[in-house]
Amino acid sequence: MKQKLTLVLALICFGTAAFSQDSRSPKKNAAFGIHLNAIDFTTPLTFDDKNSPRRFAELKDMDFGLSLSWWKGLTNKIDFAARFNTMLHGYAADRGDFANNREVGLELEPTLNIRPVNDNALIAPFLTAGVGGGYYTGEWGAYIPAGVGIQVNFKSTTYLMLQANYRWSLTTDVLKDHLVYSFGVLQSLGQKKVMAPPPPPVPVVLDRDNDGVPDVNDKCPDVPGTPAMQGCPDTDGDGIADADDKCPTQAGTAKYQGCPVPDSDGDGINDELDKCPNVKGLARYQGCPIPDSDGDGVNDEEDKCPDRQGPASNSGCPEIAKEVIEKISIAARNVFYATGSYTLLSKSYKSLNQVADLMKADQTLRLDIDGHTDNVGSDENNQILSEKRANSVKEYLVKRGVSEDRLKATGYGEEKPVEDNATAAGRAKNRRTEMTVRNF
C-alpha cells in the first residue's frame, strides 16, 4: 500500500509542474515505437503481504517483454498511445496451475499521456493513465495502468521514452498487481510542423476617424469612410461618395448622379429597359401592357381567340349562334346505332349531314362528341362501346368533309347517367350521344 501511495504522490507532483511553455507549439505527429519492458510482480506482492518482509525486486527477480506502440498528439501537451505488449511470466504458476514455467501474455493497452510542458521541449516528464487487457495462458484479464515517464525529444522526429507504470489488476484471479518499467524509441511518421513566428507589431499610423485609411491618404479624415472612396463615406455602396451622391441612401449610377435609374410608370421596370415608360406593363412584354391583338378588350394571354373579336364571357371568342347550338343538340338526339353495336343506323344520316354542313359553313367551329351507355353489361364493355360509338360519329363527319382535327370523340361508358338505370326508360335515356359545339 505504501508503494501505491508513493506512486500517487509522484503523479500529483508531475501534475502540478509549471505550464510556462509556448502554447503555439504543435502537437506530436503520428509515431511508431518499440519498447523493452521489465515486469515486477515481486515488489507489489511483498508490500501487500503483511507476513513477509517488504523489499524491492532486483533485476534477477523480474521478467521481460517487448511492446510495439502507436502515438498521436491530441494537443500540444496530451498524447494518445496504444501499445501491444508481449510479456513473459509464469501466469499459470501465479494461479497455482503449475510452477516454474513462463508463458507469453498478449496485451492491448490504450493510454493518455499528459505533459506539463509542450511536445517540442527537449526533456518532458509526463503522466500516464489508461486501461488494458490481455490473454494469459488460457485466461482473459484486465488492468488499469498508471504511472510516470520522461520523453527526450530529438528534433521532434525521434523520441526516447522511459516509463514506470503500476498496474492495478481488475481480474486478480487471472493477473496480480505488478509494475512495468519500460525503455523505448519512437519514430515520427512525418516532419514536425513548425509554427510560424508571430507577425511583427503593426506600426502606429495616425487615423483620426478609425476607418482604416491613414490621415495622410484620407480625403475625409474626420468622417469614417472606405478605402475605395479614399476615406470618404459611401452610405449606399454604389461607388459614388456621399458628397457627390444626390441619393446617398439609395444605390444608383453615375449617369443619374448616384440615384437609381427612374421608373416613370412605377411598373418595376426602369425606363432604360421599358419600351412603354409611361404606361404600366410587364417585364415579359418589355414594360408594355399585355397586348390585345383583336381589340376586343380581352388581352391575348386570356383570349382563346386572339385574332377574332369576342366577349370575355366566351373567353374572347365570337359567340356561336343559338340556332347552330340548338340544331347540333337536336341532331345529337337523333343518332341511332344497331342494338349492342356501334354501327350507325341509316336514320341517323340526315341529322349528321346537317351537323357536317354547319361545321363546313363555319371553319372556326369545333365539336366534342361524347358517347354514353346504360349500366347493362360490364363496365369495361360499356366503356369500349361508348368510345366506338363516339368514333363512329366522328368518322362519318370526316367522310362528309369535316377536318378530323376539329373533332374530338370521347367515350364515358356508364359513368355519367342522366336518368336512373333501374328503369327501362331511364336506361334508354342513358344510352345517348352528345355533341357540343365550341369555337376555341
Protein backbone atom coordinates (compact mmCIF):
# COMPACT_ATOMS: atom_id res chain seq x y z
CA MET A 1 0.00 0.00 0.00
CA LYS A 2 2.86 2.35 0.81
CA GLN A 3 4.23 1.90 -2.68
CA LYS A 4 0.84 2.79 -4.21
CA LEU A 5 0.68 5.97 -2.13
CA THR A 6 4.20 6.86 -3.24
CA LEU A 7 3.20 6.46 -6.87
CA VAL A 8 0.10 8.61 -6.42
CA LEU A 9 2.17 11.35 -4.79
CA ALA A 10 4.59 11.22 -7.72
CA LEU A 11 1.70 11.64 -10.15
CA ILE A 12 0.44 14.68 -8.23
CA CYS A 13 3.90 16.25 -8.26
CA PHE A 14 4.19 15.89 -12.01
CA GLY A 15 0.64 17.17 -12.47
CA THR A 16 1.43 20.43 -10.66
CA ALA A 17 4.56 21.21 -12.73
CA ALA A 18 4.85 24.60 -14.49
CA PHE A 19 2.88 25.18 -17.71
CA SER A 20 5.08 28.01 -18.97
CA GLN A 21 6.00 26.66 -22.42
CA ASP A 22 4.92 28.30 -25.68
CA SER A 23 1.26 27.37 -26.27
CA ARG A 24 1.83 27.72 -30.02
CA SER A 25 3.90 24.51 -30.06
CA PRO A 26 2.49 21.94 -32.50
CA LYS A 27 1.24 18.56 -31.31
CA LYS A 28 3.09 15.29 -31.89
CA ASN A 29 2.85 13.68 -35.33
CA ALA A 30 1.82 10.04 -35.55
CA ALA A 31 4.76 7.87 -34.43
CA PHE A 32 5.56 4.17 -34.04
CA GLY A 33 7.69 2.84 -31.21
CA ILE A 34 9.38 -0.30 -29.86
CA HIS A 35 9.92 -0.83 -26.15
CA LEU A 36 11.83 -3.23 -23.88
CA ASN A 37 9.87 -3.99 -20.71
CA ALA A 38 10.85 -5.29 -17.27
CA ILE A 39 7.94 -6.79 -15.29
CA ASP A 40 7.97 -6.72 -11.49
CA PHE A 41 5.42 -8.90 -9.66
CA THR A 42 7.61 -9.22 -6.58
CA THR A 43 7.52 -5.69 -5.15
CA PRO A 44 3.70 -5.32 -5.03
CA LEU A 45 3.43 -8.86 -3.58
CA THR A 46 5.83 -8.18 -0.71
CA PHE A 47 4.24 -4.82 0.07
CA ASP A 48 0.75 -6.32 0.15
CA ASP A 49 1.75 -9.41 2.23
CA LYS A 50 1.90 -8.44 5.90
CA ASN A 51 3.61 -11.74 6.76
CA SER A 52 6.67 -11.22 4.52
CA PRO A 53 9.38 -8.56 4.68
CA ARG A 54 8.90 -5.67 2.26
CA ARG A 55 11.51 -5.36 -0.42
CA PHE A 56 12.01 -4.03 -3.93
CA ALA A 57 12.64 -6.56 -6.64
CA GLU A 58 16.07 -6.90 -8.14
CA LEU A 59 16.64 -7.29 -11.85
CA LYS A 60 17.07 -11.05 -11.50
CA ASP A 61 13.59 -11.27 -9.94
CA MET A 62 11.92 -9.62 -12.96
CA ASP A 63 10.50 -10.97 -16.20
CA PHE A 64 10.77 -9.23 -19.57
CA GLY A 65 8.79 -8.40 -22.65
CA LEU A 66 8.58 -6.32 -25.82
CA SER A 67 6.00 -3.77 -26.93
CA LEU A 68 5.02 -2.08 -30.18
CA SER A 69 3.25 1.25 -29.84
CA TRP A 70 1.48 3.93 -31.85
CA TRP A 71 1.40 7.54 -30.59
CA LYS A 72 -0.53 10.58 -31.80
CA GLY A 73 -0.74 14.05 -30.28
CA LEU A 74 -4.25 15.16 -29.35
CA THR A 75 -2.99 18.58 -28.22
CA ASN A 76 0.50 20.04 -27.74
CA LYS A 77 0.50 18.56 -24.19
CA ILE A 78 -1.65 15.42 -24.46
CA ASP A 79 -0.78 12.30 -26.47
CA PHE A 80 -2.81 9.19 -27.13
CA ALA A 81 -0.87 5.91 -27.22
CA ALA A 82 -1.85 2.32 -27.98
CA ARG A 83 0.60 -0.44 -27.01
CA PHE A 84 0.65 -4.09 -27.98
CA ASN A 85 2.64 -5.98 -25.36
CA THR A 86 4.16 -9.45 -25.28
CA MET A 87 5.07 -10.28 -21.69
CA LEU A 88 6.92 -13.41 -20.46
CA HIS A 89 5.84 -14.53 -17.00
CA GLY A 90 4.55 -17.56 -15.12
CA TYR A 91 0.91 -16.54 -15.18
CA ALA A 92 -0.33 -20.09 -14.69
CA ALA A 93 2.03 -20.52 -11.76
CA ASP A 94 0.58 -17.38 -10.11
CA ARG A 95 -2.80 -19.05 -10.32
CA GLY A 96 -1.41 -22.29 -8.86
CA ASP A 97 -1.88 -24.30 -12.05
CA PHE A 98 1.79 -25.29 -12.35
CA ALA A 99 5.12 -23.73 -11.48
CA ASN A 100 8.44 -22.65 -12.95
CA ASN A 101 7.12 -22.04 -16.47
CA ARG A 102 6.95 -18.73 -18.31
CA GLU A 103 4.15 -18.14 -20.73
CA VAL A 104 3.52 -15.32 -23.18
CA GLY A 105 0.92 -12.75 -22.17
CA LEU A 106 -0.56 -10.78 -25.08
CA GLU A 107 -1.91 -7.34 -24.14
CA LEU A 108 -3.51 -4.28 -25.70
CA GLU A 109 -3.15 -1.07 -23.70
CA PRO A 110 -4.57 2.35 -24.78
CA THR A 111 -3.44 5.29 -22.61
CA LEU A 112 -3.43 9.08 -22.36
CA ASN A 113 -0.10 10.75 -21.66
CA ILE A 114 -0.16 14.24 -20.20
CA ARG A 115 2.86 16.57 -20.06
CA PRO A 116 3.24 19.81 -18.09
CA VAL A 117 5.31 21.17 -21.00
CA ASN A 118 4.88 21.23 -24.76
CA ASP A 119 5.88 18.38 -27.06
CA ASN A 120 8.82 20.33 -28.52
CA ALA A 121 10.62 20.51 -25.14
CA LEU A 122 13.96 18.64 -25.10
CA ILE A 123 13.09 16.77 -21.90
CA ALA A 124 9.46 16.43 -20.85
CA PRO A 125 8.06 14.44 -17.91
CA PHE A 126 4.59 13.04 -18.35
CA LEU A 127 1.81 11.18 -16.55
CA THR A 128 0.22 8.03 -17.96
CA ALA A 129 -3.23 6.58 -17.31
CA GLY A 130 -5.39 4.20 -19.27
CA VAL A 131 -6.90 0.75 -19.38
CA GLY A 132 -5.51 -2.58 -20.57
CA GLY A 133 -6.43 -6.16 -21.15
CA GLY A 134 -4.80 -9.35 -22.32
CA TYR A 135 -4.78 -13.09 -22.78
CA TYR A 136 -2.74 -15.04 -20.22
CA THR A 137 -2.35 -18.79 -20.72
CA GLY A 138 -5.96 -19.57 -21.45
CA GLU A 139 -7.47 -16.76 -19.37
CA TRP A 140 -8.54 -13.19 -20.14
CA GLY A 141 -7.58 -10.45 -17.72
CA ALA A 142 -7.85 -6.68 -17.39
CA TYR A 143 -5.96 -4.00 -15.51
CA ILE A 144 -5.59 -0.23 -15.05
CA PRO A 145 -2.12 1.20 -15.80
CA ALA A 146 -0.97 4.49 -14.29
CA GLY A 147 2.47 5.95 -13.89
CA VAL A 148 5.12 8.42 -14.92
CA GLY A 149 7.59 8.81 -17.73
CA ILE A 150 10.22 11.01 -19.30
CA GLN A 151 10.31 11.92 -23.00
CA VAL A 152 13.59 13.00 -24.64
CA ASN A 153 12.95 14.83 -27.92
CA PHE A 154 15.38 14.73 -30.87
CA LYS A 155 14.14 17.36 -33.38
CA SER A 156 10.55 16.13 -32.94
CA THR A 157 11.20 13.14 -35.19
CA THR A 158 12.78 10.66 -32.75
CA TYR A 159 11.91 10.28 -29.06
CA LEU A 160 13.42 8.23 -26.23
CA MET A 161 10.84 7.08 -23.69
CA LEU A 162 11.45 5.97 -20.08
CA GLN A 163 8.35 4.84 -18.21
CA ALA A 164 7.32 3.25 -14.91
CA ASN A 165 3.71 2.10 -14.53
CA TYR A 166 1.83 0.45 -11.71
CA ARG A 167 -0.88 -1.90 -12.95
CA TRP A 168 -3.92 -2.48 -10.74
CA SER A 169 -5.47 -5.80 -11.70
CA LEU A 170 -9.21 -5.89 -12.33
CA THR A 171 -9.13 -9.72 -12.55
CA THR A 172 -6.98 -10.78 -9.59
CA ASP A 173 -7.73 -14.48 -10.15
CA VAL A 174 -6.00 -14.22 -13.56
CA LEU A 175 -3.43 -11.47 -13.09
CA LYS A 176 -1.79 -9.98 -9.96
CA ASP A 177 -0.87 -6.34 -9.39
CA HIS A 178 2.55 -5.58 -10.83
CA LEU A 179 4.96 -2.89 -12.00
CA VAL A 180 6.28 -2.42 -15.55
CA TYR A 181 9.46 -0.49 -16.34
CA SER A 182 9.92 0.39 -19.99
CA PHE A 183 12.59 1.85 -22.26
CA GLY A 184 11.68 2.61 -25.86
CA VAL A 185 12.28 4.60 -29.02
CA LEU A 186 9.57 6.41 -31.04
CA GLN A 187 9.99 7.41 -34.68
CA SER A 188 7.69 10.07 -36.14
CA LEU A 189 5.97 9.32 -39.47
CA GLY A 190 6.16 12.89 -40.74
CA GLN A 191 8.03 16.11 -40.31
CA LYS A 192 7.05 18.25 -37.35
CA LYS A 193 5.05 21.29 -38.34
CA VAL A 194 6.87 24.45 -37.40
CA MET A 195 4.57 27.20 -36.22
CA ALA A 196 5.06 30.50 -37.99
CA PRO A 197 6.52 33.20 -35.79
CA PRO A 198 4.08 35.87 -34.68
CA PRO A 199 3.85 38.82 -37.06
CA PRO A 200 5.75 41.96 -36.15
CA PRO A 201 3.77 44.64 -34.36
CA VAL A 202 1.76 46.92 -36.60
CA PRO A 203 3.34 50.35 -36.79
CA VAL A 204 1.30 53.17 -35.35
CA VAL A 205 -0.39 55.16 -38.11
CA LEU A 206 -2.46 58.28 -37.47
CA ASP A 207 -6.10 57.66 -38.42
CA ARG A 208 -8.39 60.11 -36.63
CA ASP A 209 -11.69 58.62 -37.86
CA ASN A 210 -10.54 54.99 -37.44
CA ASP A 211 -11.72 53.98 -40.91
CA GLY A 212 -8.52 52.15 -41.85
CA VAL A 213 -7.34 54.89 -44.21
CA PRO A 214 -4.34 56.81 -42.84
CA ASP A 215 -4.97 60.52 -42.46
CA VAL A 216 -2.23 61.25 -44.97
CA ASN A 217 -4.34 59.48 -47.66
CA ASP A 218 -7.81 60.28 -46.25
CA LYS A 219 -9.81 62.93 -48.13
CA CYS A 220 -12.34 62.90 -45.26
CA PRO A 221 -10.07 62.42 -42.22
CA ASP A 222 -12.77 63.26 -39.65
CA VAL A 223 -15.58 61.12 -41.13
CA PRO A 224 -15.30 57.29 -41.35
CA GLY A 225 -15.26 56.16 -44.96
CA THR A 226 -13.97 53.38 -47.20
CA PRO A 227 -10.59 52.84 -48.84
CA ALA A 228 -12.32 52.74 -52.26
CA MET A 229 -13.63 56.25 -51.63
CA GLN A 230 -10.21 57.44 -50.33
CA GLY A 231 -11.58 57.57 -46.79
CA CYS A 232 -14.90 59.25 -47.59
CA PRO A 233 -18.27 57.59 -46.83
CA ASP A 234 -20.45 55.87 -49.42
CA THR A 235 -23.60 55.01 -47.46
CA ASP A 236 -25.43 53.18 -50.26
CA GLY A 237 -22.30 51.44 -51.59
CA ASP A 238 -22.87 52.49 -55.19
CA GLY A 239 -19.31 53.71 -55.72
CA ILE A 240 -20.24 57.39 -55.53
CA ALA A 241 -19.12 59.27 -52.43
CA ASP A 242 -21.96 60.73 -50.36
CA ALA A 243 -20.70 64.28 -51.02
CA ASP A 244 -21.31 63.76 -54.76
CA ASP A 245 -24.38 61.49 -54.44
CA LYS A 246 -27.84 63.07 -54.88
CA CYS A 247 -29.37 59.86 -53.44
CA PRO A 248 -26.85 58.89 -50.73
CA THR A 249 -29.09 56.24 -49.17
CA GLN A 250 -30.13 54.57 -52.48
CA ALA A 251 -27.71 52.75 -54.72
CA GLY A 252 -27.62 54.42 -58.12
CA THR A 253 -25.46 55.15 -61.12
CA ALA A 254 -23.13 57.98 -62.07
CA LYS A 255 -25.39 58.75 -65.06
CA TYR A 256 -28.15 59.76 -62.64
CA GLN A 257 -25.74 61.37 -60.13
CA GLY A 258 -25.94 58.48 -57.68
CA CYS A 259 -29.69 57.94 -57.96
CA PRO A 260 -31.35 54.76 -59.33
CA VAL A 261 -32.49 54.59 -62.93
CA PRO A 262 -36.03 56.10 -62.87
CA ASP A 263 -39.24 54.10 -63.36
CA SER A 264 -41.70 56.71 -64.58
CA ASP A 265 -44.76 54.45 -64.73
CA GLY A 266 -43.96 52.57 -61.49
CA ASP A 267 -44.25 49.12 -63.03
CA GLY A 268 -40.92 47.90 -61.61
CA ILE A 269 -39.10 48.15 -64.94
CA ASN A 270 -36.68 51.04 -65.16
CA ASP A 271 -37.08 53.48 -68.02
CA GLU A 272 -33.90 52.33 -69.76
CA LEU A 273 -35.40 48.85 -70.22
CA ASP A 274 -39.05 49.90 -70.54
CA LYS A 275 -40.42 50.17 -74.09
CA CYS A 276 -43.55 51.80 -72.64
CA PRO A 277 -42.02 54.02 -69.92
CA ASN A 278 -45.23 55.98 -69.32
CA VAL A 279 -47.65 53.03 -69.21
CA LYS A 280 -47.51 50.26 -66.63
CA GLY A 281 -46.63 46.92 -68.12
CA LEU A 282 -44.89 43.59 -67.54
CA ALA A 283 -41.28 42.51 -67.86
CA ARG A 284 -42.15 39.77 -70.38
CA TYR A 285 -43.51 42.49 -72.67
CA GLN A 286 -40.51 44.78 -72.01
CA GLY A 287 -42.54 47.08 -69.78
CA CYS A 288 -45.60 47.30 -72.02
CA PRO A 289 -49.11 46.03 -71.12
CA ILE A 290 -50.31 42.63 -72.26
CA PRO A 291 -51.38 43.12 -75.91
CA ASP A 292 -54.95 42.73 -77.20
CA SER A 293 -54.36 41.83 -80.85
CA ASP A 294 -58.03 41.78 -81.92
CA GLY A 295 -59.04 44.77 -79.78
CA ASP A 296 -61.95 43.01 -78.14
CA GLY A 297 -60.99 44.03 -74.60
CA VAL A 298 -59.67 40.57 -73.69
CA ASN A 299 -55.86 40.50 -73.55
CA ASP A 300 -54.03 37.92 -75.62
CA GLU A 301 -53.00 35.85 -72.56
CA GLU A 302 -56.64 35.28 -71.63
CA ASP A 303 -58.09 35.41 -75.17
CA LYS A 304 -58.59 31.95 -76.64
CA CYS A 305 -59.29 33.61 -79.99
CA PRO A 306 -56.64 36.41 -80.04
CA ASP A 307 -57.24 37.08 -83.76
CA ARG A 308 -61.08 37.12 -83.58
CA GLN A 309 -63.12 39.52 -81.53
CA GLY A 310 -65.41 38.12 -78.91
CA PRO A 311 -66.76 38.87 -75.44
CA ALA A 312 -64.95 37.97 -72.22
CA SER A 313 -67.87 35.67 -71.34
CA ASN A 314 -66.78 33.43 -74.23
CA SER A 315 -63.03 33.75 -73.46
CA GLY A 316 -62.57 36.38 -76.17
CA CYS A 317 -64.05 34.22 -78.95
CA PRO A 318 -67.11 35.11 -81.04
CA GLU A 319 -70.39 33.83 -79.65
CA ILE A 320 -71.85 30.88 -81.58
CA ALA A 321 -75.33 31.49 -82.92
CA LYS A 322 -78.01 29.96 -80.72
CA GLU A 323 -79.68 28.29 -83.69
CA VAL A 324 -76.42 26.48 -84.53
CA ILE A 325 -76.11 25.21 -80.96
CA GLU A 326 -79.74 24.12 -80.97
CA LYS A 327 -79.52 22.31 -84.36
CA ILE A 328 -76.45 20.35 -83.24
CA SER A 329 -78.10 19.46 -79.92
CA ILE A 330 -81.23 18.19 -81.76
CA ALA A 331 -79.06 16.25 -84.21
CA ALA A 332 -77.30 14.51 -81.31
CA ARG A 333 -80.65 13.22 -80.05
CA ASN A 334 -81.29 11.66 -83.44
CA VAL A 335 -78.19 9.48 -83.66
CA PHE A 336 -79.02 5.76 -83.53
CA TYR A 337 -76.99 2.53 -83.51
CA ALA A 338 -77.72 -1.11 -84.06
CA THR A 339 -78.57 -2.81 -80.76
CA GLY A 340 -75.40 -3.65 -78.78
CA SER A 341 -73.30 -2.31 -81.66
CA TYR A 342 -71.51 0.87 -82.68
CA THR A 343 -72.81 0.67 -86.28
CA LEU A 344 -74.78 3.81 -87.21
CA LEU A 345 -78.32 3.27 -88.44
CA SER A 346 -79.28 4.98 -91.67
CA LYS A 347 -81.91 7.07 -89.91
CA SER A 348 -79.01 8.95 -88.25
CA TYR A 349 -77.58 10.20 -91.54
CA LYS A 350 -79.94 13.15 -92.08
CA SER A 351 -79.09 14.66 -88.68
CA LEU A 352 -75.36 14.06 -89.07
CA ASN A 353 -75.42 15.57 -92.56
CA GLN A 354 -76.89 18.76 -91.10
CA VAL A 355 -74.07 18.83 -88.47
CA ALA A 356 -71.46 18.38 -91.22
CA ASP A 357 -72.96 21.24 -93.24
CA LEU A 358 -72.88 23.56 -90.20
CA MET A 359 -69.26 22.63 -89.47
CA LYS A 360 -68.20 23.26 -93.09
CA ALA A 361 -70.02 26.56 -93.18
CA ASP A 362 -68.00 27.92 -90.23
CA GLN A 363 -64.44 26.66 -90.15
CA THR A 364 -63.87 28.11 -86.66
CA LEU A 365 -66.24 25.61 -85.05
CA ARG A 366 -65.00 22.63 -83.04
CA LEU A 367 -67.15 19.67 -82.00
CA ASP A 368 -66.93 17.40 -78.92
CA ILE A 369 -68.64 14.02 -79.48
CA ASP A 370 -69.36 12.11 -76.25
CA GLY A 371 -70.65 8.53 -76.12
CA HIS A 372 -72.65 7.17 -73.10
CA THR A 373 -74.23 3.81 -72.19
CA ASP A 374 -76.54 2.41 -69.54
CA ASN A 375 -75.27 0.01 -66.85
CA VAL A 376 -76.24 -3.23 -68.56
CA GLY A 377 -73.15 -5.36 -69.07
CA SER A 378 -69.65 -4.99 -67.66
CA ASP A 379 -68.02 -1.61 -67.07
CA GLU A 380 -65.20 -2.50 -69.46
CA ASN A 381 -67.53 -3.47 -72.32
CA ASN A 382 -69.65 -0.37 -71.82
CA GLN A 383 -66.56 1.85 -71.90
CA ILE A 384 -65.35 0.28 -75.15
CA LEU A 385 -68.82 0.50 -76.73
CA SER A 386 -69.19 4.21 -75.83
CA GLU A 387 -65.77 5.01 -77.32
CA LYS A 388 -66.55 3.15 -80.54
CA ARG A 389 -69.96 4.84 -80.91
CA ALA A 390 -68.41 8.30 -80.46
CA ASN A 391 -65.74 7.45 -83.03
CA SER A 392 -68.38 6.16 -85.46
CA VAL A 393 -69.95 9.62 -85.47
CA LYS A 394 -66.54 11.26 -85.88
CA GLU A 395 -65.64 9.00 -88.81
CA TYR A 396 -68.97 9.74 -90.52
CA LEU A 397 -68.45 13.52 -90.23
CA VAL A 398 -64.88 13.20 -91.56
CA LYS A 399 -66.28 11.33 -94.58
CA ARG A 400 -68.72 14.22 -95.03
CA GLY A 401 -65.79 16.65 -95.37
CA VAL A 402 -65.17 17.87 -91.79
CA SER A 403 -61.48 18.10 -90.87
CA GLU A 404 -60.56 15.44 -88.31
CA ASP A 405 -58.55 17.89 -86.18
CA ARG A 406 -61.78 19.83 -85.47
CA LEU A 407 -63.47 16.77 -83.95
CA LYS A 408 -62.89 15.16 -80.53
CA ALA A 409 -64.51 11.82 -79.72
CA THR A 410 -64.68 10.58 -76.11
CA GLY A 411 -66.38 7.57 -74.51
CA TYR A 412 -67.64 7.73 -70.91
CA GLY A 413 -69.28 4.31 -70.64
CA GLU A 414 -71.84 4.27 -67.82
CA GLU A 415 -70.07 6.96 -65.76
CA LYS A 416 -72.46 9.87 -66.45
CA PRO A 417 -76.11 8.71 -66.38
CA VAL A 418 -78.83 11.34 -66.80
CA GLU A 419 -81.63 9.08 -65.50
CA ASP A 420 -81.99 6.16 -63.10
CA ASN A 421 -80.74 2.92 -64.65
CA ALA A 422 -83.25 0.98 -62.54
CA THR A 423 -85.98 1.52 -65.17
CA ALA A 424 -86.10 0.71 -68.84
CA ALA A 425 -86.98 4.34 -69.64
CA GLY A 426 -84.05 5.59 -67.62
CA ARG A 427 -81.62 3.19 -69.32
CA ALA A 428 -82.92 4.28 -72.74
CA LYS A 429 -82.12 7.93 -71.96
CA ASN A 430 -78.66 7.00 -70.64
CA ARG A 431 -77.83 5.32 -73.97
CA ARG A 432 -77.09 8.53 -75.83
CA THR A 433 -74.66 10.53 -77.92
CA GLU A 434 -73.99 14.17 -77.01
CA MET A 435 -72.45 16.77 -79.34
CA THR A 436 -71.15 20.09 -78.00
CA VAL A 437 -70.06 22.84 -80.39
CA ARG A 438 -67.38 25.37 -79.49
CA ASN A 439 -65.02 27.73 -81.31
CA PHE A 440 -61.89 27.50 -79.17
